[in-house]
PDB file of N, CA and C in Angstrom:
ATOM      1  N   MET A   1      -3.891  -6.777  10.843  1.00  0.00           N
ATOM      2  CA  MET A   1      -4.508  -5.473  10.908  1.00  0.00           C
ATOM      3  C   MET A   1      -3.943  -4.735  12.112  1.00  0.00           C
ATOM      4  N   LYS A   2      -3.631  -3.466  11.905  1.00  0.00           N
ATOM      5  CA  LYS A   2      -3.154  -2.646  13.018  1.00  0.00           C
ATOM      6  C   LYS A   2      -4.120  -1.493  13.234  1.00  0.00           C
ATOM      7  N   ILE A   3      -4.590  -1.391  14.478  1.00  0.00           N
ATOM      8  CA  ILE A   3      -5.489  -0.323  14.902  1.00  0.00           C
ATOM      9  C   ILE A   3      -4.714   0.569  15.861  1.00  0.00           C
ATOM     10  N   LEU A   4      -4.742   1.853  15.609  1.00  0.00           N
ATOM     11  CA  LEU A   4      -4.019   2.805  16.436  1.00  0.00           C
ATOM     12  C   LEU A   4      -4.997   3.803  17.034  1.00  0.00           C
ATOM     13  N   LEU A   5      -4.963   3.962  18.344  1.00  0.00           N
ATOM     14  CA  LEU A   5      -5.784   4.948  19.031  1.00  0.00           C
ATOM     15  C   LEU A   5      -4.921   6.173  19.294  1.00  0.00           C
ATOM     16  N   VAL A   6      -5.435   7.350  18.960  1.00  0.00           N
ATOM     17  CA  VAL A   6      -4.704   8.590  19.172  1.00  0.00           C
ATOM     18  C   VAL A   6      -5.392   9.363  20.284  1.00  0.00           C
ATOM     19  N   CYS A   7      -4.582   9.819  21.238  1.00  0.00           N
ATOM     20  CA  CYS A   7      -5.135  10.521  22.394  1.00  0.00           C
ATOM     21  C   CYS A   7      -4.201  11.658  22.777  1.00  0.00           C
ATOM     22  N   SER A   8      -4.465  12.273  23.922  1.00  0.00           N
ATOM     23  CA  SER A   8      -3.591  13.359  24.360  1.00  0.00           C
ATOM     24  C   SER A   8      -2.482  12.833  25.264  1.00  0.00           C
ATOM     25  N   ALA A   9      -2.832  12.185  26.352  1.00  0.00           N
ATOM     26  CA  ALA A   9      -1.808  11.713  27.288  1.00  0.00           C
ATOM     27  C   ALA A   9      -1.632  10.198  27.277  1.00  0.00           C
ATOM     28  N   GLY A  10      -2.714   9.458  27.138  1.00  0.00           N
ATOM     29  CA  GLY A  10      -2.589   8.021  27.012  1.00  0.00           C
ATOM     30  C   GLY A  10      -3.059   7.184  28.181  1.00  0.00           C
ATOM     31  N   MET A  11      -3.405   7.782  29.291  1.00  0.00           N
ATOM     32  CA  MET A  11      -3.780   6.976  30.456  1.00  0.00           C
ATOM     33  C   MET A  11      -5.076   6.194  30.222  1.00  0.00           C
ATOM     34  N   SER A  12      -6.157   6.875  29.950  1.00  0.00           N
ATOM     35  CA  SER A  12      -7.425   6.169  29.764  1.00  0.00           C
ATOM     36  C   SER A  12      -7.418   5.367  28.472  1.00  0.00           C
ATOM     37  N   THR A  13      -6.731   5.861  27.449  1.00  0.00           N
ATOM     38  CA  THR A  13      -6.696   5.143  26.185  1.00  0.00           C
ATOM     39  C   THR A  13      -5.957   3.818  26.333  1.00  0.00           C
ATOM     40  N   SER A  14      -4.950   3.755  27.195  1.00  0.00           N
ATOM     41  CA  SER A  14      -4.234   2.493  27.397  1.00  0.00           C
ATOM     42  C   SER A  14      -5.149   1.446  28.024  1.00  0.00           C
ATOM     43  N   ILE A  15      -6.068   1.873  28.867  1.00  0.00           N
ATOM     44  CA  ILE A  15      -7.048   0.937  29.441  1.00  0.00           C
ATOM     45  C   ILE A  15      -7.950   0.414  28.324  1.00  0.00           C
ATOM     46  N   LEU A  16      -8.396   1.306  27.453  1.00  0.00           N
ATOM     47  CA  LEU A  16      -9.254   0.911  26.339  1.00  0.00           C
ATOM     48  C   LEU A  16      -8.518  -0.030  25.393  1.00  0.00           C
ATOM     49  N   VAL A  17      -7.245   0.220  25.137  1.00  0.00           N
ATOM     50  CA  VAL A  17      -6.443  -0.668  24.285  1.00  0.00           C
ATOM     51  C   VAL A  17      -6.435  -2.079  24.856  1.00  0.00           C
ATOM     52  N   ASP A  18      -6.212  -2.210  26.156  1.00  0.00           N
ATOM     53  CA  ASP A  18      -6.213  -3.533  26.792  1.00  0.00           C
ATOM     54  C   ASP A  18      -7.552  -4.234  26.613  1.00  0.00           C
ATOM     55  N   LYS A  19      -8.633  -3.510  26.780  1.00  0.00           N
ATOM     56  CA  LYS A  19      -9.967  -4.102  26.625  1.00  0.00           C
ATOM     57  C   LYS A  19     -10.235  -4.489  25.174  1.00  0.00           C
ATOM     58  N   MET A  20      -9.752  -3.686  24.249  1.00  0.00           N
ATOM     59  CA  MET A  20      -9.919  -4.018  22.828  1.00  0.00           C
ATOM     60  C   MET A  20      -9.108  -5.265  22.463  1.00  0.00           C
ATOM     61  N   ARG A  21      -7.908  -5.379  22.998  1.00  0.00           N
ATOM     62  CA  ARG A  21      -7.076  -6.560  22.742  1.00  0.00           C
ATOM     63  C   ARG A  21      -7.766  -7.822  23.243  1.00  0.00           C
ATOM     64  N   LYS A  22      -8.347  -7.736  24.438  1.00  0.00           N
ATOM     65  CA  LYS A  22      -9.063  -8.886  24.990  1.00  0.00           C
ATOM     66  C   LYS A  22     -10.263  -9.250  24.127  1.00  0.00           C
ATOM     67  N   ALA A  23     -11.003  -8.247  23.657  1.00  0.00           N
ATOM     68  CA  ALA A  23     -12.163  -8.489  22.796  1.00  0.00           C
ATOM     69  C   ALA A  23     -11.729  -9.135  21.487  1.00  0.00           C
ATOM     70  N   ALA A  24     -10.621  -8.686  20.921  1.00  0.00           N
ATOM     71  CA  ALA A  24     -10.104  -9.271  19.675  1.00  0.00           C
ATOM     72  C   ALA A  24      -9.695 -10.719  19.892  1.00  0.00           C
ATOM     73  N   GLU A  25      -9.076 -10.994  21.024  1.00  0.00           N
ATOM     74  CA  GLU A  25      -8.647 -12.359  21.344  1.00  0.00           C
ATOM     75  C   GLU A  25      -9.856 -13.293  21.468  1.00  0.00           C
ATOM     76  N   VAL A  26     -10.893 -12.835  22.149  1.00  0.00           N
ATOM     77  CA  VAL A  26     -12.108 -13.629  22.312  1.00  0.00           C
ATOM     78  C   VAL A  26     -12.734 -13.941  20.954  1.00  0.00           C
ATOM     79  N   GLN A  27     -12.670 -12.967  20.036  1.00  0.00           N
ATOM     80  CA  GLN A  27     -13.260 -13.146  18.714  1.00  0.00           C
ATOM     81  C   GLN A  27     -12.323 -13.878  17.752  1.00  0.00           C
ATOM     82  N   GLY A  28     -11.118 -14.181  18.199  1.00  0.00           N
ATOM     83  CA  GLY A  28     -10.170 -14.872  17.344  1.00  0.00           C
ATOM     84  C   GLY A  28      -9.597 -14.004  16.239  1.00  0.00           C
ATOM     85  N   LEU A  29      -9.569 -12.708  16.441  1.00  0.00           N
ATOM     86  CA  LEU A  29      -9.051 -11.778  15.435  1.00  0.00           C
ATOM     87  C   LEU A  29      -7.561 -11.547  15.640  1.00  0.00           C
ATOM     88  N   GLU A  30      -6.834 -11.524  14.548  1.00  0.00           N
ATOM     89  CA  GLU A  30      -5.423 -11.165  14.623  1.00  0.00           C
ATOM     90  C   GLU A  30      -5.326  -9.668  14.399  1.00  0.00           C
ATOM     91  N   ALA A  31      -5.071  -8.938  15.455  1.00  0.00           N
ATOM     92  CA  ALA A  31      -4.994  -7.485  15.364  1.00  0.00           C
ATOM     93  C   ALA A  31      -3.957  -6.971  16.347  1.00  0.00           C
ATOM     94  N   THR A  32      -3.227  -5.977  15.892  1.00  0.00           N
ATOM     95  CA  THR A  32      -2.318  -5.251  16.768  1.00  0.00           C
ATOM     96  C   THR A  32      -3.023  -3.956  17.111  1.00  0.00           C
ATOM     97  N   ILE A  33      -3.174  -3.700  18.390  1.00  0.00           N
ATOM     98  CA  ILE A  33      -3.893  -2.512  18.845  1.00  0.00           C
ATOM     99  C   ILE A  33      -2.980  -1.751  19.797  1.00  0.00           C
ATOM    100  N   ASP A  34      -2.695  -0.501  19.452  1.00  0.00           N
ATOM    101  CA  ASP A  34      -1.801   0.329  20.250  1.00  0.00           C
ATOM    102  C   ASP A  34      -2.376   1.727  20.380  1.00  0.00           C
ATOM    103  N   ALA A  35      -1.744   2.525  21.231  1.00  0.00           N
ATOM    104  CA  ALA A  35      -2.139   3.920  21.402  1.00  0.00           C
ATOM    105  C   ALA A  35      -0.902   4.798  21.288  1.00  0.00           C
ATOM    106  N   THR A  36      -1.119   6.014  20.828  1.00  0.00           N
ATOM    107  CA  THR A  36      -0.042   6.987  20.731  1.00  0.00           C
ATOM    108  C   THR A  36      -0.613   8.385  20.893  1.00  0.00           C
ATOM    109  N   ALA A  37       0.242   9.305  21.242  1.00  0.00           N
ATOM    110  CA  ALA A  37      -0.135  10.709  21.224  1.00  0.00           C
ATOM    111  C   ALA A  37      -0.064  11.184  19.780  1.00  0.00           C
ATOM    112  N   GLU A  38      -0.738  12.266  19.473  1.00  0.00           N
ATOM    113  CA  GLU A  38      -0.736  12.784  18.099  1.00  0.00           C
ATOM    114  C   GLU A  38       0.681  13.068  17.629  1.00  0.00           C
ATOM    115  N   SER A  39       1.549  13.460  18.535  1.00  0.00           N
ATOM    116  CA  SER A  39       2.927  13.779  18.169  1.00  0.00           C
ATOM    117  C   SER A  39       3.703  12.557  17.672  1.00  0.00           C
ATOM    118  N   GLY A  40       3.281  11.346  18.044  1.00  0.00           N
ATOM    119  CA  GLY A  40       3.961  10.137  17.603  1.00  0.00           C
ATOM    120  C   GLY A  40       3.331   9.483  16.397  1.00  0.00           C
ATOM    121  N   LEU A  41       2.311  10.097  15.847  1.00  0.00           N
ATOM    122  CA  LEU A  41       1.548   9.501  14.755  1.00  0.00           C
ATOM    123  C   LEU A  41       2.384   9.272  13.495  1.00  0.00           C
ATOM    124  N   ALA A  42       3.248  10.200  13.166  1.00  0.00           N
ATOM    125  CA  ALA A  42       4.038  10.099  11.926  1.00  0.00           C
ATOM    126  C   ALA A  42       4.845   8.807  11.869  1.00  0.00           C
ATOM    127  N   ASN A  43       5.296   8.327  13.012  1.00  0.00           N
ATOM    128  CA  ASN A  43       6.092   7.093  13.062  1.00  0.00           C
ATOM    129  C   ASN A  43       5.261   5.841  12.799  1.00  0.00           C
ATOM    130  N   GLU A  44       3.950   5.950  12.865  1.00  0.00           N
ATOM    131  CA  GLU A  44       3.060   4.796  12.772  1.00  0.00           C
ATOM    132  C   GLU A  44       2.349   4.667  11.427  1.00  0.00           C
ATOM    133  N   LEU A  45       2.430   5.672  10.586  1.00  0.00           N
ATOM    134  CA  LEU A  45       1.624   5.701   9.363  1.00  0.00           C
ATOM    135  C   LEU A  45       1.940   4.563   8.397  1.00  0.00           C
ATOM    136  N   GLY A  46       3.159   4.094   8.366  1.00  0.00           N
ATOM    137  CA  GLY A  46       3.521   3.051   7.421  1.00  0.00           C
ATOM    138  C   GLY A  46       3.003   1.669   7.768  1.00  0.00           C
ATOM    139  N   THR A  47       2.571   1.483   9.007  1.00  0.00           N
ATOM    140  CA  THR A  47       2.158   0.144   9.441  1.00  0.00           C
ATOM    141  C   THR A  47       0.731   0.077   9.957  1.00  0.00           C
ATOM    142  N   THR A  48       0.000   1.173   9.903  1.00  0.00           N
ATOM    143  CA  THR A  48      -1.338   1.247  10.497  1.00  0.00           C
ATOM    144  C   THR A  48      -2.428   1.133   9.437  1.00  0.00           C
ATOM    145  N   ASN A  49      -3.518   0.427   9.783  1.00  0.00           N
ATOM    146  CA  ASN A  49      -4.673   0.310   8.887  1.00  0.00           C
ATOM    147  C   ASN A  49      -5.827   1.218   9.295  1.00  0.00           C
ATOM    148  N   ILE A  50      -5.999   1.396  10.613  1.00  0.00           N
ATOM    149  CA  ILE A  50      -7.131   2.157  11.135  1.00  0.00           C
ATOM    150  C   ILE A  50      -6.647   3.048  12.277  1.00  0.00           C
ATOM    151  N   ILE A  51      -7.078   4.294  12.254  1.00  0.00           N
ATOM    152  CA  ILE A  51      -6.782   5.219  13.351  1.00  0.00           C
ATOM    153  C   ILE A  51      -8.103   5.641  13.979  1.00  0.00           C
ATOM    154  N   LEU A  52      -8.179   5.464  15.292  1.00  0.00           N
ATOM    155  CA  LEU A  52      -9.344   5.922  16.054  1.00  0.00           C
ATOM    156  C   LEU A  52      -8.883   7.048  16.970  1.00  0.00           C
ATOM    157  N   ILE A  53      -9.607   8.150  16.923  1.00  0.00           N
ATOM    158  CA  ILE A  53      -9.236   9.346  17.674  1.00  0.00           C
ATOM    159  C   ILE A  53     -10.076   9.434  18.942  1.00  0.00           C
ATOM    160  N   GLY A  54      -9.418   9.649  20.068  1.00  0.00           N
ATOM    161  CA  GLY A  54     -10.135   9.822  21.326  1.00  0.00           C
ATOM    162  C   GLY A  54     -11.036  11.038  21.263  1.00  0.00           C
ATOM    163  N   PRO A  55     -12.236  10.961  21.847  1.00  0.00           N
ATOM    164  CA  PRO A  55     -13.186  12.077  21.782  1.00  0.00           C
ATOM    165  C   PRO A  55     -12.627  13.385  22.337  1.00  0.00           C
ATOM    166  N   GLN A  56     -11.716  13.301  23.285  1.00  0.00           N
ATOM    167  CA  GLN A  56     -11.167  14.508  23.896  1.00  0.00           C
ATOM    168  C   GLN A  56     -10.221  15.272  22.960  1.00  0.00           C
ATOM    169  N   VAL A  57      -9.785  14.628  21.869  1.00  0.00           N
ATOM    170  CA  VAL A  57      -8.927  15.302  20.890  1.00  0.00           C
ATOM    171  C   VAL A  57      -9.572  15.289  19.504  1.00  0.00           C
ATOM    172  N   ARG A  58     -10.893  15.305  19.462  1.00  0.00           N
ATOM    173  CA  ARG A  58     -11.623  15.275  18.189  1.00  0.00           C
ATOM    174  C   ARG A  58     -11.242  16.440  17.285  1.00  0.00           C
ATOM    175  N   TYR A  59     -10.757  17.519  17.867  1.00  0.00           N
ATOM    176  CA  TYR A  59     -10.350  18.681  17.068  1.00  0.00           C
ATOM    177  C   TYR A  59      -9.172  18.358  16.134  1.00  0.00           C
ATOM    178  N   LEU A  60      -8.500  17.234  16.359  1.00  0.00           N
ATOM    179  CA  LEU A  60      -7.375  16.823  15.514  1.00  0.00           C
ATOM    180  C   LEU A  60      -7.811  16.018  14.289  1.00  0.00           C
ATOM    181  N   GLU A  61      -9.103  15.752  14.162  1.00  0.00           N
ATOM    182  CA  GLU A  61      -9.576  14.859  13.110  1.00  0.00           C
ATOM    183  C   GLU A  61      -9.107  15.274  11.713  1.00  0.00           C
ATOM    184  N   SER A  62      -9.305  16.506  11.312  1.00  0.00           N
ATOM    185  CA  SER A  62      -8.935  16.889   9.947  1.00  0.00           C
ATOM    186  C   SER A  62      -7.424  16.831   9.742  1.00  0.00           C
ATOM    187  N   LYS A  63      -6.661  17.194  10.746  1.00  0.00           N
ATOM    188  CA  LYS A  63      -5.197  17.124  10.655  1.00  0.00           C
ATOM    189  C   LYS A  63      -4.738  15.677  10.491  1.00  0.00           C
ATOM    190  N   ILE A  64      -5.321  14.774  11.276  1.00  0.00           N
ATOM    191  CA  ILE A  64      -4.944  13.362  11.213  1.00  0.00           C
ATOM    192  C   ILE A  64      -5.384  12.753   9.881  1.00  0.00           C
ATOM    193  N   LYS A  65      -6.591  13.084   9.447  1.00  0.00           N
ATOM    194  CA  LYS A  65      -7.069  12.559   8.162  1.00  0.00           C
ATOM    195  C   LYS A  65      -6.153  12.993   7.014  1.00  0.00           C
ATOM    196  N   SER A  66      -5.703  14.231   7.044  1.00  0.00           N
ATOM    197  CA  SER A  66      -4.849  14.712   5.949  1.00  0.00           C
ATOM    198  C   SER A  66      -3.523  13.961   5.906  1.00  0.00           C
ATOM    199  N   LYS A  67      -3.053  13.479   7.057  1.00  0.00           N
ATOM    200  CA  LYS A  67      -1.818  12.692   7.102  1.00  0.00           C
ATOM    201  C   LYS A  67      -2.065  11.224   6.765  1.00  0.00           C
ATOM    202  N   ALA A  68      -3.209  10.687   7.201  1.00  0.00           N
ATOM    203  CA  ALA A  68      -3.471   9.254   7.114  1.00  0.00           C
ATOM    204  C   ALA A  68      -4.077   8.805   5.792  1.00  0.00           C
ATOM    205  N   GLU A  69      -5.021   9.554   5.270  1.00  0.00           N
ATOM    206  CA  GLU A  69      -5.754   9.103   4.086  1.00  0.00           C
ATOM    207  C   GLU A  69      -4.880   8.873   2.853  1.00  0.00           C
ATOM    208  N   PRO A  70      -3.808   9.650   2.622  1.00  0.00           N
ATOM    209  CA  PRO A  70      -2.938   9.331   1.486  1.00  0.00           C
ATOM    210  C   PRO A  70      -2.284   7.946   1.600  1.00  0.00           C
ATOM    211  N   HIS A  71      -2.233   7.408   2.812  1.00  0.00           N
ATOM    212  CA  HIS A  71      -1.684   6.076   3.057  1.00  0.00           C
ATOM    213  C   HIS A  71      -2.767   4.994   3.025  1.00  0.00           C
ATOM    214  N   GLY A  72      -4.007   5.402   2.741  1.00  0.00           N
ATOM    215  CA  GLY A  72      -5.112   4.443   2.707  1.00  0.00           C
ATOM    216  C   GLY A  72      -5.603   4.040   4.090  1.00  0.00           C
ATOM    217  N   ILE A  73      -5.304   4.846   5.090  1.00  0.00           N
ATOM    218  CA  ILE A  73      -5.684   4.548   6.468  1.00  0.00           C
ATOM    219  C   ILE A  73      -7.056   5.160   6.756  1.00  0.00           C
ATOM    220  N   LYS A  74      -7.961   4.349   7.299  1.00  0.00           N
ATOM    221  CA  LYS A  74      -9.282   4.820   7.694  1.00  0.00           C
ATOM    222  C   LYS A  74      -9.178   5.531   9.041  1.00  0.00           C
ATOM    223  N   VAL A  75      -9.923   6.619   9.205  1.00  0.00           N
ATOM    224  CA  VAL A  75      -9.870   7.429  10.419  1.00  0.00           C
ATOM    225  C   VAL A  75     -11.279   7.698  10.914  1.00  0.00           C
ATOM    226  N   ALA A  76     -11.482   7.588  12.233  1.00  0.00           N
ATOM    227  CA  ALA A  76     -12.775   7.912  12.839  1.00  0.00           C
ATOM    228  C   ALA A  76     -12.553   8.357  14.283  1.00  0.00           C
ATOM    229  N   ILE A  77     -13.536   9.078  14.796  1.00  0.00           N
ATOM    230  CA  ILE A  77     -13.521   9.458  16.209  1.00  0.00           C
ATOM    231  C   ILE A  77     -14.210   8.354  16.989  1.00  0.00           C
ATOM    232  N   ILE A  78     -13.618   7.954  18.092  1.00  0.00           N
ATOM    233  CA  ILE A  78     -14.193   6.896  18.928  1.00  0.00           C
ATOM    234  C   ILE A  78     -15.538   7.364  19.470  1.00  0.00           C
ATOM    235  N   ASP A  79     -16.522   6.481  19.394  1.00  0.00           N
ATOM    236  CA  ASP A  79     -17.840   6.756  19.953  1.00  0.00           C
ATOM    237  C   ASP A  79     -17.694   7.191  21.412  1.00  0.00           C
ATOM    238  N   SER A  80     -18.272   8.348  21.755  1.00  0.00           N
ATOM    239  CA  SER A  80     -18.106   8.920  23.095  1.00  0.00           C
ATOM    240  C   SER A  80     -18.621   8.018  24.203  1.00  0.00           C
ATOM    241  N   MET A  81     -19.771   7.387  23.974  1.00  0.00           N
ATOM    242  CA  MET A  81     -20.336   6.495  25.002  1.00  0.00           C
ATOM    243  C   MET A  81     -19.446   5.274  25.201  1.00  0.00           C
ATOM    244  N   ALA A  82     -18.976   4.701  24.111  1.00  0.00           N
ATOM    245  CA  ALA A  82     -18.104   3.520  24.209  1.00  0.00           C
ATOM    246  C   ALA A  82     -16.799   3.891  24.900  1.00  0.00           C
ATOM    247  N   TYR A  83     -16.286   5.084  24.589  1.00  0.00           N
ATOM    248  CA  TYR A  83     -15.045   5.541  25.229  1.00  0.00           C
ATOM    249  C   TYR A  83     -15.273   5.767  26.716  1.00  0.00           C
ATOM    250  N   GLY A  84     -16.349   6.451  27.046  1.00  0.00           N
ATOM    251  CA  GLY A  84     -16.642   6.772  28.443  1.00  0.00           C
ATOM    252  C   GLY A  84     -16.854   5.548  29.311  1.00  0.00           C
ATOM    253  N   THR A  85     -17.405   4.488  28.729  1.00  0.00           N
ATOM    254  CA  THR A  85     -17.644   3.256  29.485  1.00  0.00           C
ATOM    255  C   THR A  85     -16.518   2.243  29.304  1.00  0.00           C
ATOM    256  N   MET A  86     -15.480   2.636  28.535  1.00  0.00           N
ATOM    257  CA  MET A  86     -14.334   1.760  28.257  1.00  0.00           C
ATOM    258  C   MET A  86     -14.802   0.423  27.678  1.00  0.00           C
ATOM    259  N   ASN A  87     -15.736   0.496  26.731  1.00  0.00           N
ATOM    260  CA  ASN A  87     -16.296  -0.689  26.092  1.00  0.00           C
ATOM    261  C   ASN A  87     -15.400  -1.092  24.919  1.00  0.00           C
ATOM    262  N   GLY A  88     -14.395  -1.907  25.214  1.00  0.00           N
ATOM    263  CA  GLY A  88     -13.425  -2.326  24.217  1.00  0.00           C
ATOM    264  C   GLY A  88     -14.040  -3.082  23.060  1.00  0.00           C
ATOM    265  N   GLU A  89     -15.043  -3.886  23.342  1.00  0.00           N
ATOM    266  CA  GLU A  89     -15.689  -4.653  22.273  1.00  0.00           C
ATOM    267  C   GLU A  89     -16.403  -3.727  21.286  1.00  0.00           C
ATOM    268  N   LYS A  90     -17.105  -2.728  21.798  1.00  0.00           N
ATOM    269  CA  LYS A  90     -17.828  -1.808  20.926  1.00  0.00           C
ATOM    270  C   LYS A  90     -16.861  -0.972  20.082  1.00  0.00           C
ATOM    271  N   VAL A  91     -15.765  -0.527  20.676  1.00  0.00           N
ATOM    272  CA  VAL A  91     -14.785   0.263  19.927  1.00  0.00           C
ATOM    273  C   VAL A  91     -14.100  -0.609  18.881  1.00  0.00           C
ATOM    274  N   LEU A  92     -13.835  -1.854  19.212  1.00  0.00           N
ATOM    275  CA  LEU A  92     -13.263  -2.782  18.233  1.00  0.00           C
ATOM    276  C   LEU A  92     -14.222  -2.956  17.065  1.00  0.00           C
ATOM    277  N   GLN A  93     -15.499  -3.110  17.341  1.00  0.00           N
ATOM    278  CA  GLN A  93     -16.491  -3.251  16.264  1.00  0.00           C
ATOM    279  C   GLN A  93     -16.563  -1.989  15.415  1.00  0.00           C
ATOM    280  N   GLN A  94     -16.420  -0.831  16.044  1.00  0.00           N
ATOM    281  CA  GLN A  94     -16.405   0.417  15.298  1.00  0.00           C
ATOM    282  C   GLN A  94     -15.221   0.422  14.330  1.00  0.00           C
ATOM    283  N   ALA A  95     -14.079  -0.015  14.789  1.00  0.00           N
ATOM    284  CA  ALA A  95     -12.885  -0.063  13.931  1.00  0.00           C
ATOM    285  C   ALA A  95     -13.076  -1.031  12.770  1.00  0.00           C
ATOM    286  N   LEU A  96     -13.630  -2.197  13.069  1.00  0.00           N
ATOM    287  CA  LEU A  96     -13.819  -3.212  12.032  1.00  0.00           C
ATOM    288  C   LEU A  96     -14.843  -2.779  10.992  1.00  0.00           C
ATOM    289  N   ALA A  97     -15.798  -1.951  11.402  1.00  0.00           N
ATOM    290  CA  ALA A  97     -16.817  -1.476  10.484  1.00  0.00           C
ATOM    291  C   ALA A  97     -16.269  -0.486   9.450  1.00  0.00           C
ATOM    292  N   LEU A  98     -15.108   0.085   9.753  1.00  0.00           N
ATOM    293  CA  LEU A  98     -14.500   1.026   8.810  1.00  0.00           C
ATOM    294  C   LEU A  98     -13.949   0.274   7.618  1.00  0.00           C
TER     295      LEU A  98
END
């Protein structure tokens, strides 16, 4: 399973990616978790299962969904509280629930 986080610049999202990877490892899940800016999304569509959008770029949701859903990719906005507290486990659970 590949989970992709979409953000604007990537600094805080890269911290969240690391925490999500650790949470997946603890749970014994095989998952690739990465982050990209919206501009790099097109390169990832062929290999991604789930896209989570950073709350600060929630305005991109419909644009991202229109690109992702034809590929069968689930899309959601990251829970603001989980993002703000960098709760990698909670964001991972949000992704898995999709």
